[in-house]
Amino acid sequence: MSESRKHLLIIYHSQTGHTRMMARAALCGARRVPEVETRLKMALRAGLDDLLWAHGLLLGTPENFGYMSGALKNFMDRTYYPAQGRISGLPYAVFISAGNDGTGALTSIERIARGYPLKPVCDPIIARGELSAEMLQRCAELGETMASGVAWGIF
């Protein structure tokens, strides 16, 4: 593995399996870009070292009570202060599995992401209700787009 290879980190939490399916679709898309190494980590198992390793970040969460999952919030709580000044401008995007509209979860992630500060580079994907093949395809495209942008220095 070349030291110059770029890194994409996909962090997610899933309770029903929908967000996991979205994360795996994003991983499949990202792996279409051989110049980028991609890690898929559950939020409670990811830490500061993973975040510092990354050149790009995808965050996935279910919408819970109009907010991001507690597990994703826990990841952000554990890494926020230790990452200060070390990941400024890290490109990121979000995917959400929502029972309602998903905007509360998105707003909460965006608010914290501005504090790191992370740089939003792709439109968020919000899957409302049951997952469709089209929505999973969009997640795969998001993964490929993020990996390509990281690989070629676009983000």
C-alpha atoms as a PDB file:
ATOM      1  CA  MET A   1       0.000   0.000   0.000  1.00  0.00           C
ATOM      2  CA  SER A   2       1.460   3.325  -1.069  1.00  0.00           C
ATOM      3  CA  GLU A   3       1.978   6.013   1.585  1.00  0.00           C
ATOM      4  CA  SER A   4       0.624   8.598  -0.875  1.00  0.00           C
ATOM      5  CA  ARG A   5      -2.720   6.851  -1.050  1.00  0.00           C
ATOM      6  CA  LYS A   6      -5.637   8.978   0.182  1.00  0.00           C
ATOM      7  CA  HIS A   7      -8.120   7.856   2.849  1.00  0.00           C
ATOM      8  CA  LEU A   8     -11.908   8.031   3.095  1.00  0.00           C
ATOM      9  CA  LEU A   9     -13.614   7.253   6.396  1.00  0.00           C
ATOM     10  CA  ILE A  10     -17.261   6.215   6.560  1.00  0.00           C
ATOM     11  CA  ILE A  11     -18.699   6.383  10.062  1.00  0.00           C
ATOM     12  CA  TYR A  12     -22.251   5.279  10.751  1.00  0.00           C
ATOM     13  CA  HIS A  13     -24.737   4.031  13.285  1.00  0.00           C
ATOM     14  CA  SER A  14     -27.684   1.798  12.488  1.00  0.00           C
ATOM     15  CA  GLN A  15     -30.479   0.294  14.521  1.00  0.00           C
ATOM     16  CA  THR A  16     -32.876  -1.111  11.925  1.00  0.00           C
ATOM     17  CA  GLY A  17     -30.204  -1.895   9.343  1.00  0.00           C
ATOM     18  CA  HIS A  18     -31.213   0.861   6.904  1.00  0.00           C
ATOM     19  CA  THR A  19     -28.266   3.133   7.663  1.00  0.00           C
ATOM     20  CA  ARG A  20     -25.936   0.115   7.540  1.00  0.00           C
ATOM     21  CA  MET A  21     -27.214  -0.668   4.035  1.00  0.00           C
ATOM     22  CA  MET A  22     -26.639   2.955   3.021  1.00  0.00           C
ATOM     23  CA  ALA A  23     -23.107   2.851   4.479  1.00  0.00           C
ATOM     24  CA  ARG A  24     -22.268  -0.366   2.660  1.00  0.00           C
ATOM     25  CA  ALA A  25     -23.591   1.073  -0.597  1.00  0.00           C
ATOM     26  CA  ALA A  26     -21.351   4.132  -0.074  1.00  0.00           C
ATOM     27  CA  LEU A  27     -18.423   1.798   0.630  1.00  0.00           C
ATOM     28  CA  CYS A  28     -19.065  -0.117  -2.610  1.00  0.00           C
ATOM     29  CA  GLY A  29     -19.077   3.151  -4.535  1.00  0.00           C
ATOM     30  CA  ALA A  30     -15.917   4.402  -2.846  1.00  0.00           C
ATOM     31  CA  ARG A  31     -14.102   1.174  -3.677  1.00  0.00           C
ATOM     32  CA  ARG A  32     -14.569   1.934  -7.377  1.00  0.00           C
ATOM     33  CA  VAL A  33     -11.740   4.446  -6.862  1.00  0.00           C
ATOM     34  CA  PRO A  34      -8.588   2.346  -6.360  1.00  0.00           C
ATOM     35  CA  GLU A  35      -6.458   5.370  -5.422  1.00  0.00           C
ATOM     36  CA  VAL A  36      -8.360   5.701  -2.143  1.00  0.00           C
ATOM     37  CA  GLU A  37      -8.353   3.396   0.851  1.00  0.00           C
ATOM     38  CA  THR A  38     -11.769   3.393   2.532  1.00  0.00           C
ATOM     39  CA  ARG A  39     -12.596   2.401   6.097  1.00  0.00           C
ATOM     40  CA  LEU A  40     -16.120   1.626   7.245  1.00  0.00           C
ATOM     41  CA  LYS A  41     -16.522   2.004  11.010  1.00  0.00           C
ATOM     42  CA  MET A  42     -19.445   1.894  13.365  1.00  0.00           C
ATOM     43  CA  ALA A  43     -19.630   5.175  15.294  1.00  0.00           C
ATOM     44  CA  LEU A  44     -19.046   3.610  18.713  1.00  0.00           C
ATOM     45  CA  ARG A  45     -15.910   1.853  17.409  1.00  0.00           C
ATOM     46  CA  ALA A  46     -14.419   4.858  15.612  1.00  0.00           C
ATOM     47  CA  GLY A  47     -12.089   7.245  17.355  1.00  0.00           C
ATOM     48  CA  LEU A  48      -9.700  10.136  16.989  1.00  0.00           C
ATOM     49  CA  ASP A  49      -7.030   8.049  15.234  1.00  0.00           C
ATOM     50  CA  ASP A  50      -9.550   7.123  12.526  1.00  0.00           C
ATOM     51  CA  LEU A  51     -10.542  10.755  12.085  1.00  0.00           C
ATOM     52  CA  LEU A  52      -6.936  11.936  11.874  1.00  0.00           C
ATOM     53  CA  TRP A  53      -6.237   9.210   9.288  1.00  0.00           C
ATOM     54  CA  ALA A  54      -8.968  10.480   6.966  1.00  0.00           C
ATOM     55  CA  HIS A  55      -8.700  12.849   4.001  1.00  0.00           C
ATOM     56  CA  GLY A  56     -12.493  12.732   3.600  1.00  0.00           C
ATOM     57  CA  LEU A  57     -15.417  11.761   5.811  1.00  0.00           C
ATOM     58  CA  LEU A  58     -18.897  10.346   5.285  1.00  0.00           C
ATOM     59  CA  LEU A  59     -21.257  10.396   8.267  1.00  0.00           C
ATOM     60  CA  GLY A  60     -24.337   8.167   8.362  1.00  0.00           C
ATOM     61  CA  THR A  61     -27.092   8.123  10.950  1.00  0.00           C
ATOM     62  CA  PRO A  62     -30.704   7.256  11.486  1.00  0.00           C
ATOM     63  CA  GLU A  63     -32.951  10.094  12.531  1.00  0.00           C
ATOM     64  CA  ASN A  64     -33.793   9.561  16.198  1.00  0.00           C
ATOM     65  CA  PHE A  65     -36.385  11.895  17.722  1.00  0.00           C
ATOM     66  CA  GLY A  66     -35.482  14.529  15.137  1.00  0.00           C
ATOM     67  CA  TYR A  67     -31.755  14.266  15.930  1.00  0.00           C
ATOM     68  CA  MET A  68     -28.697  12.242  14.914  1.00  0.00           C
ATOM     69  CA  SER A  69     -28.167   8.921  16.673  1.00  0.00           C
ATOM     70  CA  GLY A  70     -26.641   8.943  20.137  1.00  0.00           C
ATOM     71  CA  ALA A  71     -23.776   6.815  18.822  1.00  0.00           C
ATOM     72  CA  LEU A  72     -22.811   9.359  16.160  1.00  0.00           C
ATOM     73  CA  LYS A  73     -23.136  12.174  18.706  1.00  0.00           C
ATOM     74  CA  ASN A  74     -20.897  10.147  21.027  1.00  0.00           C
ATOM     75  CA  PHE A  75     -18.242   9.900  18.280  1.00  0.00           C
ATOM     76  CA  MET A  76     -18.382  13.651  17.796  1.00  0.00           C
ATOM     77  CA  ASP A  77     -18.233  14.275  21.546  1.00  0.00           C
ATOM     78  CA  ARG A  78     -15.148  12.058  21.893  1.00  0.00           C
ATOM     79  CA  THR A  79     -13.252  13.571  18.954  1.00  0.00           C
ATOM     80  CA  TYR A  80     -14.321  17.222  18.860  1.00  0.00           C
ATOM     81  CA  TYR A  81     -11.819  18.808  21.251  1.00  0.00           C
ATOM     82  CA  PRO A  82      -8.876  16.462  20.551  1.00  0.00           C
ATOM     83  CA  ALA A  83      -9.308  17.125  16.798  1.00  0.00           C
ATOM     84  CA  GLN A  84      -9.292  20.917  17.126  1.00  0.00           C
ATOM     85  CA  GLY A  85      -6.689  22.447  14.824  1.00  0.00           C
ATOM     86  CA  ARG A  86      -5.840  19.056  13.326  1.00  0.00           C
ATOM     87  CA  ILE A  87      -8.583  18.457  10.737  1.00  0.00           C
ATOM     88  CA  SER A  88      -9.714  21.952   9.726  1.00  0.00           C
ATOM     89  CA  GLY A  89     -11.400  21.872   6.333  1.00  0.00           C
ATOM     90  CA  LEU A  90     -11.737  18.092   6.183  1.00  0.00           C
ATOM     91  CA  PRO A  91     -14.321  17.425   3.430  1.00  0.00           C
ATOM     92  CA  TYR A  92     -17.451  15.627   4.541  1.00  0.00           C
ATOM     93  CA  ALA A  93     -20.933  14.594   3.480  1.00  0.00           C
ATOM     94  CA  VAL A  94     -23.918  13.046   5.250  1.00  0.00           C
ATOM     95  CA  PHE A  95     -26.453  10.287   4.653  1.00  0.00           C
ATOM     96  CA  ILE A  96     -29.520   9.826   6.855  1.00  0.00           C
ATOM     97  CA  SER A  97     -32.204   7.187   7.178  1.00  0.00           C
ATOM     98  CA  ALA A  98     -35.275   9.093   8.332  1.00  0.00           C
ATOM     99  CA  GLY A  99     -38.709   8.111   9.537  1.00  0.00           C
ATOM    100  CA  ASN A 100     -39.752  11.762   9.330  1.00  0.00           C
ATOM    101  CA  ASP A 101     -38.072  14.429   7.250  1.00  0.00           C
ATOM    102  CA  GLY A 102     -34.475  14.039   8.468  1.00  0.00           C
ATOM    103  CA  THR A 103     -33.832  17.766   8.731  1.00  0.00           C
ATOM    104  CA  GLY A 104     -33.336  17.735  12.500  1.00  0.00           C
ATOM    105  CA  ALA A 105     -30.606  15.109  12.233  1.00  0.00           C
ATOM    106  CA  LEU A 106     -28.964  16.998   9.375  1.00  0.00           C
ATOM    107  CA  THR A 107     -29.080  20.331  11.192  1.00  0.00           C
ATOM    108  CA  SER A 108     -27.512  18.850  14.319  1.00  0.00           C
ATOM    109  CA  ILE A 109     -24.651  17.290  12.331  1.00  0.00           C
ATOM    110  CA  GLU A 110     -24.045  20.466  10.338  1.00  0.00           C
ATOM    111  CA  ARG A 111     -23.914  22.592  13.502  1.00  0.00           C
ATOM    112  CA  ILE A 112     -21.233  20.405  15.086  1.00  0.00           C
ATOM    113  CA  ALA A 113     -19.343  19.973  11.790  1.00  0.00           C
ATOM    114  CA  ARG A 114     -18.962  23.758  11.503  1.00  0.00           C
ATOM    115  CA  GLY A 115     -17.238  23.735  14.884  1.00  0.00           C
ATOM    116  CA  TYR A 116     -14.510  21.229  13.947  1.00  0.00           C
ATOM    117  CA  PRO A 117     -14.500  22.866  11.245  1.00  0.00           C
ATOM    118  CA  LEU A 118     -15.358  20.367   8.510  1.00  0.00           C
ATOM    119  CA  LYS A 119     -16.149  21.395   4.935  1.00  0.00           C
ATOM    120  CA  PRO A 120     -19.416  20.157   3.369  1.00  0.00           C
ATOM    121  CA  VAL A 121     -18.720  19.054  -0.205  1.00  0.00           C
ATOM    122  CA  CYS A 122     -21.757  17.069  -1.384  1.00  0.00           C
ATOM    123  CA  ASP A 123     -25.486  17.412  -0.907  1.00  0.00           C
ATOM    124  CA  PRO A 124     -26.791  15.251   1.945  1.00  0.00           C
ATOM    125  CA  ILE A 125     -28.794  12.147   1.164  1.00  0.00           C
ATOM    126  CA  ILE A 126     -31.933  11.708   3.228  1.00  0.00           C
ATOM    127  CA  ALA A 127     -33.823   8.440   2.731  1.00  0.00           C
ATOM    128  CA  ARG A 128     -37.350   8.910   4.040  1.00  0.00           C
ATOM    129  CA  GLY A 129     -39.192   5.705   4.906  1.00  0.00           C
ATOM    130  CA  GLU A 130     -38.215   2.417   3.307  1.00  0.00           C
ATOM    131  CA  LEU A 131     -34.972   2.199   1.344  1.00  0.00           C
ATOM    132  CA  SER A 132     -35.283   1.888  -2.405  1.00  0.00           C
ATOM    133  CA  ALA A 133     -32.741   0.577  -4.891  1.00  0.00           C
ATOM    134  CA  GLU A 134     -32.548   4.117  -6.259  1.00  0.00           C
ATOM    135  CA  MET A 135     -31.628   5.495  -2.834  1.00  0.00           C
ATOM    136  CA  LEU A 136     -28.908   2.870  -2.374  1.00  0.00           C
ATOM    137  CA  GLN A 137     -27.586   3.742  -5.822  1.00  0.00           C
ATOM    138  CA  ARG A 138     -27.412   7.393  -4.742  1.00  0.00           C
ATOM    139  CA  CYS A 139     -25.393   6.300  -1.694  1.00  0.00           C
ATOM    140  CA  ALA A 140     -22.996   4.361  -3.927  1.00  0.00           C
ATOM    141  CA  GLU A 141     -22.616   7.452  -6.105  1.00  0.00           C
ATOM    142  CA  LEU A 142     -21.953   9.555  -3.005  1.00  0.00           C
ATOM    143  CA  GLY A 143     -19.206   7.161  -1.934  1.00  0.00           C
ATOM    144  CA  GLU A 144     -17.637   7.217  -5.380  1.00  0.00           C
ATOM    145  CA  THR A 145     -17.892  11.003  -5.599  1.00  0.00           C
ATOM    146  CA  MET A 146     -16.274  11.483  -2.205  1.00  0.00           C
ATOM    147  CA  ALA A 147     -13.480   9.033  -3.008  1.00  0.00           C
ATOM    148  CA  SER A 148     -12.852  10.645  -6.400  1.00  0.00           C
ATOM    149  CA  GLY A 149     -12.810  14.129  -4.922  1.00  0.00           C
ATOM    150  CA  VAL A 150     -10.361  13.052  -2.243  1.00  0.00           C
ATOM    151  CA  ALA A 151      -8.172  11.137  -4.724  1.00  0.00           C
ATOM    152  CA  TRP A 152      -7.846  13.994  -7.160  1.00  0.00           C
ATOM    153  CA  GLY A 153      -7.644  16.833  -4.654  1.00  0.00           C
ATOM    154  CA  ILE A 154     -10.951  18.360  -5.757  1.00  0.00           C
ATOM    155  CA  PHE A 155     -12.176  18.749  -2.177  1.00  0.00           C
END
